[in-house]
Protein backbone atom coordinates (compact mmCIF):
# COMPACT_ATOMS: atom_id res chain seq x y z
CA MET A 1 89.86 83.10 97.27
CA LYS A 2 86.64 82.25 99.02
CA ILE A 3 84.61 85.26 97.89
CA THR A 4 81.10 85.91 96.75
CA PRO A 5 80.67 86.09 92.95
CA THR A 6 79.66 89.75 92.90
CA LEU A 7 82.77 90.78 94.83
CA ALA A 8 85.30 88.55 93.15
CA GLY A 9 86.99 91.07 90.85
CA LEU A 10 87.18 93.79 93.45
CA ALA A 11 88.61 91.41 96.02
CA LEU A 12 91.65 90.32 94.03
CA ALA A 13 92.24 93.84 92.77
CA LEU A 14 92.24 95.21 96.29
CA GLY A 15 93.91 92.20 97.86
CA ALA A 16 96.92 91.78 95.65
CA SER A 17 97.40 94.36 92.97
CA LEU A 18 95.65 97.69 93.29
CA THR A 19 98.11 100.38 92.22
CA LEU A 20 99.00 102.44 95.24
CA ALA A 21 98.77 106.19 94.94
CA GLY A 22 101.11 108.44 96.86
CA CYS A 23 99.86 109.09 100.37
CA THR A 24 100.75 111.13 103.41
CA SER A 25 102.80 109.22 105.95
CA ALA A 26 100.99 108.59 109.18
CA THR A 27 104.06 107.63 111.12
CA ASP A 28 107.69 106.76 110.50
CA ALA A 29 108.34 103.05 110.42
CA ALA A 30 110.76 101.98 113.10
CA GLN A 31 113.10 99.04 113.36
CA THR A 32 111.86 96.04 115.27
CA ALA A 33 112.42 96.66 118.94
CA ASP A 34 115.49 95.21 120.62
CA VAL A 35 114.11 92.41 122.72
CA THR A 36 117.41 91.03 123.93
CA SER A 37 116.87 92.78 127.25
CA THR A 38 113.71 91.86 129.13
CA ALA A 39 114.68 93.13 132.57
CA ASP A 40 111.90 95.72 132.62
CA LEU A 41 109.18 93.27 131.58
CA THR A 42 106.81 91.32 133.74
CA ALA A 43 107.30 87.59 133.96
CA THR A 44 104.31 87.08 131.65
CA GLN A 45 105.74 89.47 129.07
CA GLN A 46 109.16 87.83 129.27
CA GLU A 47 107.56 84.44 128.70
CA CYS A 48 105.64 85.81 125.71
CA VAL A 49 108.77 87.29 124.11
CA SER A 50 110.77 84.13 124.68
CA ALA A 51 108.04 81.97 123.15
CA LEU A 52 107.79 83.99 119.93
CA GLN A 53 111.30 85.20 119.14
CA ALA A 54 112.41 82.07 117.27
CA ASP A 55 109.29 82.10 115.06
CA VAL A 56 109.85 85.73 114.08
CA ASP A 57 113.53 85.07 113.39
CA THR A 58 112.58 82.20 111.09
CA ALA A 59 109.99 84.28 109.24
CA THR A 60 112.54 87.07 108.81
CA ALA A 61 115.26 84.88 107.32
CA ASP A 62 115.96 84.53 103.60
CA THR A 63 113.47 82.28 101.84
CA ALA A 64 114.81 79.26 99.99
CA LEU A 65 114.04 79.04 96.29
CA VAL A 66 110.99 76.96 95.48
CA ALA A 67 111.56 75.34 92.09
CA PRO A 68 111.20 71.94 90.42
CA THR A 69 113.91 69.32 90.65
CA GLU A 70 112.47 66.65 88.35
CA PRO A 71 112.41 66.68 84.55
CA LEU A 72 109.32 67.68 82.58
CA ASP A 73 108.20 65.81 79.46
CA LEU A 74 108.41 68.77 77.09
CA ALA A 75 107.70 66.58 74.08
CA ALA A 76 104.35 65.58 75.53
CA LEU A 77 103.49 69.25 76.04
CA SER A 78 104.58 70.43 72.60
CA GLY A 79 101.73 72.07 70.73
CA GLY A 80 99.47 72.12 73.77
CA THR A 81 97.66 75.11 75.20
CA VAL A 82 97.44 76.22 78.84
CA TRP A 83 94.70 78.61 79.91
CA MET A 84 95.10 81.13 82.71
CA ILE A 85 91.70 82.35 83.88
CA THR A 86 91.86 85.06 86.51
CA VAL A 87 89.22 86.75 88.62
CA SER A 88 90.28 90.07 87.04
CA MET A 89 93.15 91.14 84.81
CA ASN A 90 94.75 93.70 87.10
CA GLN A 91 98.39 94.49 87.86
CA PHE A 92 98.98 91.38 89.94
CA SER A 93 97.45 88.98 87.42
CA THR A 94 99.16 90.78 84.55
CA ASP A 95 102.55 90.35 86.24
CA MET A 96 101.75 86.72 86.99
CA ALA A 97 100.69 86.15 83.38
CA THR A 98 104.04 87.52 82.25
CA GLY A 99 105.71 84.74 84.24
CA VAL A 100 103.34 82.07 82.93
CA GLN A 101 103.98 83.28 79.38
CA ALA A 102 107.75 83.12 79.82
CA ALA A 103 107.52 79.60 81.22
CA ALA A 104 105.16 78.51 78.43
CA ASP A 105 107.52 79.92 75.81
CA ALA A 106 110.43 78.03 77.37
CA ALA A 107 108.38 74.82 77.26
CA GLY A 108 107.01 75.34 73.74
CA VAL A 109 103.43 75.70 74.93
CA GLU A 110 100.81 78.26 73.92
CA LEU A 111 99.20 80.38 76.65
CA VAL A 112 95.71 81.83 76.56
CA THR A 113 94.86 84.41 79.25
CA TYR A 114 91.24 85.11 80.08
CA ASP A 115 89.96 88.05 82.13
CA GLY A 116 87.06 87.01 84.35
CA GLN A 117 86.20 90.67 84.98
CA GLY A 118 84.90 89.74 88.43
CA LEU A 119 81.80 88.08 86.99
CA ALA A 120 80.69 84.51 87.67
CA ASN A 121 79.27 84.10 84.17
CA ARG A 122 82.65 85.12 82.74
CA PHE A 123 84.45 82.59 84.96
CA ASN A 124 82.23 79.82 83.65
CA GLU A 125 82.50 81.03 80.08
CA GLY A 126 86.29 80.97 80.28
CA ILE A 127 86.41 77.41 81.59
CA SER A 128 83.88 76.31 78.98
CA GLN A 129 85.98 77.81 76.19
CA ALA A 130 89.09 76.11 77.52
CA VAL A 131 87.27 72.76 77.58
CA ALA A 132 85.89 73.29 74.09
CA GLN A 133 89.36 74.04 72.77
CA ASP A 134 90.82 70.96 74.49
CA ALA A 135 93.20 72.84 76.78
CA ALA A 136 96.09 70.89 78.25
CA GLY A 137 95.45 72.51 81.62
CA ILE A 138 93.79 75.47 83.35
CA ILE A 139 95.29 77.83 85.93
CA LEU A 140 92.31 79.29 87.83
CA VAL A 141 93.41 82.35 89.83
CA GLY A 142 91.43 83.75 92.76
CA ILE A 143 88.07 82.32 91.65
CA ASP A 144 85.72 80.71 94.16
CA PRO A 145 85.22 77.11 92.97
CA THR A 146 81.66 77.09 94.30
CA VAL A 147 80.54 79.45 91.51
CA VAL A 148 81.99 77.28 88.73
CA THR A 149 81.10 73.76 89.90
CA GLY A 150 79.40 72.78 86.65
CA SER A 151 82.29 74.02 84.54
CA LEU A 152 84.82 72.25 86.76
CA ALA A 153 82.87 69.03 86.33
CA ALA A 154 83.01 69.47 82.55
CA ALA A 155 86.77 70.03 82.71
CA ALA A 156 87.22 66.94 84.86
CA ALA A 157 85.12 64.86 82.46
CA ALA A 158 87.36 66.04 79.63
CA GLY A 159 90.47 65.07 81.59
CA ILE A 160 91.70 68.67 81.88
CA PRO A 161 93.53 69.44 85.16
CA VAL A 162 92.42 72.67 86.85
CA GLN A 163 94.69 74.37 89.38
CA ASN A 164 93.20 76.18 92.40
CA THR A 165 95.51 79.19 92.66
CA LEU A 166 95.74 81.70 95.56
CA ASN A 167 92.38 80.68 96.92
CA GLY A 168 92.89 79.42 100.48
CA ASP A 169 95.55 77.64 102.51
CA PRO A 170 97.65 74.80 101.08
CA THR A 171 96.14 72.29 103.50
CA ASP A 172 92.53 73.14 102.64
CA GLU A 173 90.59 70.36 100.97
CA VAL A 174 91.13 70.48 97.21
CA PRO A 175 87.81 71.44 95.60
CA GLU A 176 86.07 68.82 93.49
CA GLY A 177 87.12 69.02 89.87
CA MET A 178 90.54 70.52 90.69
CA TYR A 179 93.83 68.74 91.20
CA ILE A 180 95.74 70.88 93.73
CA ASN A 181 95.82 74.06 95.83
CA LEU A 182 98.71 76.32 94.79
CA THR A 183 98.76 79.09 97.36
CA SER A 184 100.43 80.62 100.39
CA ASP A 185 99.60 79.71 103.97
CA PHE A 186 97.45 82.75 104.71
CA THR A 187 96.56 81.61 108.21
CA ALA A 188 100.26 81.32 109.04
CA ASP A 189 100.87 84.75 107.52
CA GLY A 190 98.31 86.23 109.92
CA GLU A 191 99.99 84.47 112.80
CA THR A 192 103.37 85.82 111.69
CA ALA A 193 102.06 89.37 111.53
CA ALA A 194 100.77 89.11 115.09
CA LYS A 195 104.00 87.56 116.34
CA TRP A 196 106.04 90.35 114.75
CA ALA A 197 103.90 92.98 116.51
CA LEU A 198 104.17 91.21 119.85
CA ILE A 199 107.94 90.94 119.59
CA ASP A 200 108.24 94.53 118.35
CA SER A 201 106.15 95.79 121.30
CA ARG A 202 107.72 93.35 123.76
CA CYS A 203 104.28 91.83 124.20
CA GLN A 204 102.53 95.11 124.89
CA ALA A 205 100.59 95.45 121.63
CA ASP A 206 97.17 96.96 121.08
CA MET A 207 96.27 96.07 117.51
CA VAL A 208 93.43 97.05 115.21
CA SER A 209 93.13 94.86 112.11
CA LEU A 210 91.09 95.59 108.98
CA TYR A 211 89.73 92.90 106.67
CA SER A 212 86.56 91.83 104.88
CA SER A 213 84.84 88.56 105.66
CA SER A 214 83.84 88.45 101.98
CA VAL A 215 87.42 87.46 101.13
CA GLY A 216 88.26 84.05 102.54
CA VAL A 217 92.04 84.49 102.70
CA TRP A 218 91.65 87.79 104.56
CA GLN A 219 89.44 86.05 107.10
CA LYS A 220 92.13 83.39 107.49
CA MET A 221 94.78 86.03 108.23
CA VAL A 222 92.65 87.78 110.83
CA ASP A 223 91.79 84.47 112.49
CA GLY A 224 95.48 83.56 112.58
CA ALA A 225 96.49 86.89 114.10
CA GLU A 226 93.72 86.82 116.70
CA SER A 227 94.68 83.31 117.78
CA VAL A 228 98.25 84.44 118.50
CA PHE A 229 97.07 87.33 120.67
CA ALA A 230 94.69 85.04 122.52
CA GLU A 231 97.37 82.41 123.18
CA TYR A 232 100.45 84.47 123.95
CA CYS A 233 99.27 87.86 125.21
CA PRO A 234 95.71 87.67 126.51
CA GLU A 235 96.22 90.07 129.43
CA ASP A 236 98.72 92.73 128.34
CA CYS A 237 97.56 93.07 124.71
CA THR A 238 94.34 93.74 122.82
CA PHE A 239 93.21 92.74 119.34
CA LYS A 240 90.24 94.27 117.54
CA ALA A 241 89.18 93.18 114.03
CA LEU A 242 87.17 95.58 111.86
CA ASN A 243 85.10 93.89 109.14
CA VAL A 244 84.87 96.44 106.34
CA ASP A 245 82.54 96.59 103.36
CA ILE A 246 84.66 95.72 100.35
CA ALA A 247 82.28 97.48 97.99
CA ASN A 248 82.80 100.74 99.92
CA VAL A 249 86.25 100.04 101.25
CA SER A 250 87.83 103.49 101.50
CA THR A 251 84.88 105.09 103.29
CA ASP A 252 84.29 102.14 105.58
CA ILE A 253 87.95 101.89 106.57
CA GLY A 254 87.94 105.59 107.31
CA SER A 255 84.88 105.58 109.54
CA GLN A 256 85.59 102.32 111.40
CA LEU A 257 89.28 102.99 111.98
CA GLN A 258 88.62 106.54 113.14
CA THR A 259 86.15 105.26 115.73
CA ALA A 260 88.53 102.52 116.88
CA LEU A 261 91.38 104.98 117.37
CA GLN A 262 89.12 107.31 119.32
CA GLN A 263 87.90 104.50 121.55
CA ASN A 264 91.39 103.19 122.32
CA LEU A 265 94.14 105.81 122.42
CA ASP A 266 96.68 103.06 123.19
CA VAL A 267 96.47 101.44 119.73
CA ASN A 268 100.06 101.03 118.61
CA TYR A 269 99.63 98.69 115.62
CA VAL A 270 97.24 98.95 112.67
CA TYR A 271 97.09 95.84 110.50
CA PRO A 272 95.16 96.00 107.26
CA VAL A 273 95.67 92.49 105.93
CA TRP A 274 96.35 93.63 102.36
CA ASP A 275 98.94 96.17 101.21
CA SER A 276 96.57 98.15 99.01
CA ALA A 277 94.55 99.27 102.03
CA VAL A 278 97.43 101.30 103.43
CA PRO A 279 96.56 104.49 101.44
CA PHE A 280 93.11 104.42 103.06
CA VAL A 281 94.59 103.88 106.53
CA SER A 282 97.28 106.56 106.49
CA PRO A 283 95.05 109.70 106.32
CA VAL A 284 92.90 108.43 109.19
CA MET A 285 95.94 107.88 111.37
CA SER A 286 97.35 111.29 110.50
CA ALA A 287 94.06 112.97 111.40
CA ALA A 288 94.03 111.10 114.72
CA ASN A 289 97.68 111.95 115.43
CA SER A 290 98.26 108.22 115.82
CA SER A 291 101.83 106.99 116.11
CA ALA A 292 100.78 103.37 115.57
CA LYS A 293 102.90 101.26 113.25
CA VAL A 294 101.30 99.94 110.08
CA LEU A 295 101.84 96.38 108.88
CA SER A 296 100.17 94.43 106.09
CA ARG A 297 100.71 91.66 103.53
CA ASP A 298 101.59 91.10 99.86
CA GLY A 299 104.82 93.00 99.18
CA LEU A 300 103.59 95.48 96.60
CA GLU A 301 106.24 97.81 95.20
CA ALA A 302 104.79 101.00 96.67
CA ASN A 303 104.56 99.45 100.13
CA LEU A 304 108.12 98.20 99.95
CA ALA A 305 109.16 101.75 99.04
CA MET A 306 107.46 103.09 102.17
CA ILE A 307 109.33 100.58 104.31
CA ALA A 308 112.60 101.43 102.57
CA ASP A 309 111.95 105.16 103.09
CA ASN A 310 111.08 104.58 106.76
CA SER A 311 107.81 106.37 106.17
CA GLY A 312 104.22 105.20 106.52
CA GLN A 313 104.64 101.46 106.90
CA ALA A 314 106.77 99.36 109.21
CA MET A 315 106.34 95.84 107.83
CA THR A 316 104.78 93.70 105.15
CA ILE A 317 104.69 89.95 104.66
CA ALA A 318 105.84 89.60 101.07
CA MET A 319 105.67 86.90 98.44
CA PRO A 320 108.53 86.45 95.94
CA THR A 321 108.39 88.28 92.63
CA THR A 322 105.03 87.80 90.95
CA SER A 323 106.52 86.50 87.72
CA TRP A 324 108.00 83.57 89.67
CA ILE A 325 104.47 82.69 90.81
CA GLY A 326 103.64 82.41 87.11
CA TRP A 327 106.51 79.99 86.54
CA ILE A 328 105.61 77.76 89.48
CA ALA A 329 101.94 77.76 88.43
CA PHE A 330 102.90 76.69 84.91
CA ASP A 331 105.23 73.96 86.14
CA SER A 332 102.49 72.54 88.35
CA VAL A 333 99.77 72.47 85.70
CA ALA A 334 102.20 71.15 83.06
CA ARG A 335 103.10 68.20 85.27
CA ALA A 336 99.42 67.50 85.89
CA ALA A 337 98.76 67.68 82.15
CA THR A 338 101.48 65.11 81.42
CA GLY A 339 100.31 62.75 84.15
CA THR A 340 103.48 63.01 86.24
CA ASP A 341 103.74 63.58 89.98
CA VAL A 342 102.93 67.16 90.97
CA PRO A 343 104.94 68.59 93.88
CA GLU A 344 102.89 70.23 96.62
CA TYR A 345 104.38 73.67 96.11
CA VAL A 346 103.63 76.37 98.69
CA ILE A 347 104.15 80.02 97.77
CA PRO A 348 106.51 81.29 100.48
CA THR A 349 106.42 84.61 102.29
CA ARG A 350 108.93 86.60 104.31
CA ILE A 351 108.82 89.42 106.84
CA ILE A 352 110.06 92.60 105.20
CA ASP A 353 110.79 95.37 107.67
CA SER A 354 113.62 97.81 108.30
CA THR A 355 115.97 94.94 109.10
CA THR A 356 115.38 93.09 105.81
CA ILE A 357 114.36 95.74 103.26
CA GLY A 358 117.89 96.50 102.05
CA ASP A 359 117.56 98.67 98.95
CA GLY A 360 114.10 97.27 98.24
CA THR A 361 115.16 95.33 95.15
CA ALA A 362 114.24 91.71 94.50
CA GLY A 363 117.89 90.78 94.96
CA ASP A 364 117.83 92.05 98.53
CA LEU A 365 114.34 90.86 99.42
CA PHE A 366 114.57 87.34 97.96
CA PRO A 367 118.23 86.75 97.08
CA GLU A 368 117.71 83.03 96.49
CA TYR A 369 115.34 83.86 93.62
CA ASP A 370 117.95 85.65 91.52
CA GLY A 371 117.96 83.88 88.14
CA TYR A 372 115.19 81.50 89.21
CA GLN A 373 114.20 80.84 85.59
CA SER A 374 117.28 78.70 84.97
CA ALA A 375 116.33 76.44 87.92
CA PHE A 376 113.14 75.58 86.06
CA THR A 377 114.60 75.11 82.60
CA ASP A 378 117.55 73.10 83.95
CA ALA A 379 115.20 70.74 85.80
CA TRP A 380 112.90 70.38 82.81
CA ALA A 381 115.79 69.45 80.53
CA LYS A 382 117.27 66.73 82.75
């Protein structure tokens, strides 16, 4: 993630894995509006709905399994060590590390996990230790490459591939000293969130979005959402982005959102771009008697539960199970370490709302990922 060094640990913790506490529901989540009938819409609104429906349908559909298809030279990896260095060892990175560990065990490789603790000196220390111990490869999670340029150069000089993980869009330029971007398309996720709200409102959405410009992927999502509003609903919809202070996130969300809801009583969608912000949003909306729907991104368990219970959140854009991310990260770095072609994997996402939540289990949310581990081990053993 493109974040300043002093905010790195807090950003990933808030952005992907902060444990959600129970919170008071601001509004019941409702099923996406039926847009099959557009007789009561203006011609502009009808055009907007027609232009976006197919995109939302595609983003709502089951996601195909992303897994390797080519063999992996396990013999060449035997006895090697892969390092996973994360911006902070929180719930998300712990779950991801569980997946990396399982994949490493299956491949006969040792895994070393290193907690960056949100500190630039720790990030550099971790990479330096990996280089000194002749690591086969490094999985760098959520760490801004600009604060570790010297260490990346040392890794490159030692011939150690370093993976840029969850730190931008897949098409971003790969930072010097790294071999690939392994991430989701965060800009597209922001666009999808906006399209869902426009379809749900039949192109009559007034949205307030919350983000922090300190976190690059959050900025990408807000930019993506704003571009959709500007292109498809410039007259009948409004979009307002609130740039909150990540170091004082709960208080700043409270004060800025309260003001925004007071200034525009027609706000019908509130979009914090990360799931863990929802507990800070809900009390403000309850105090304002707002019936706006809440949508966000990540697919954290507590947020999925709110969608399943039809209480407090209407939609999230979810990634597959976090342990799978660990497997795909290991497969990528292992292929780089053995000098074989590395697929340009993209971590997929899917709209999860009342129409797709099912019972909230992984089998319902991402049915194609059931038993995904065997897809990896079968490919490796070809």
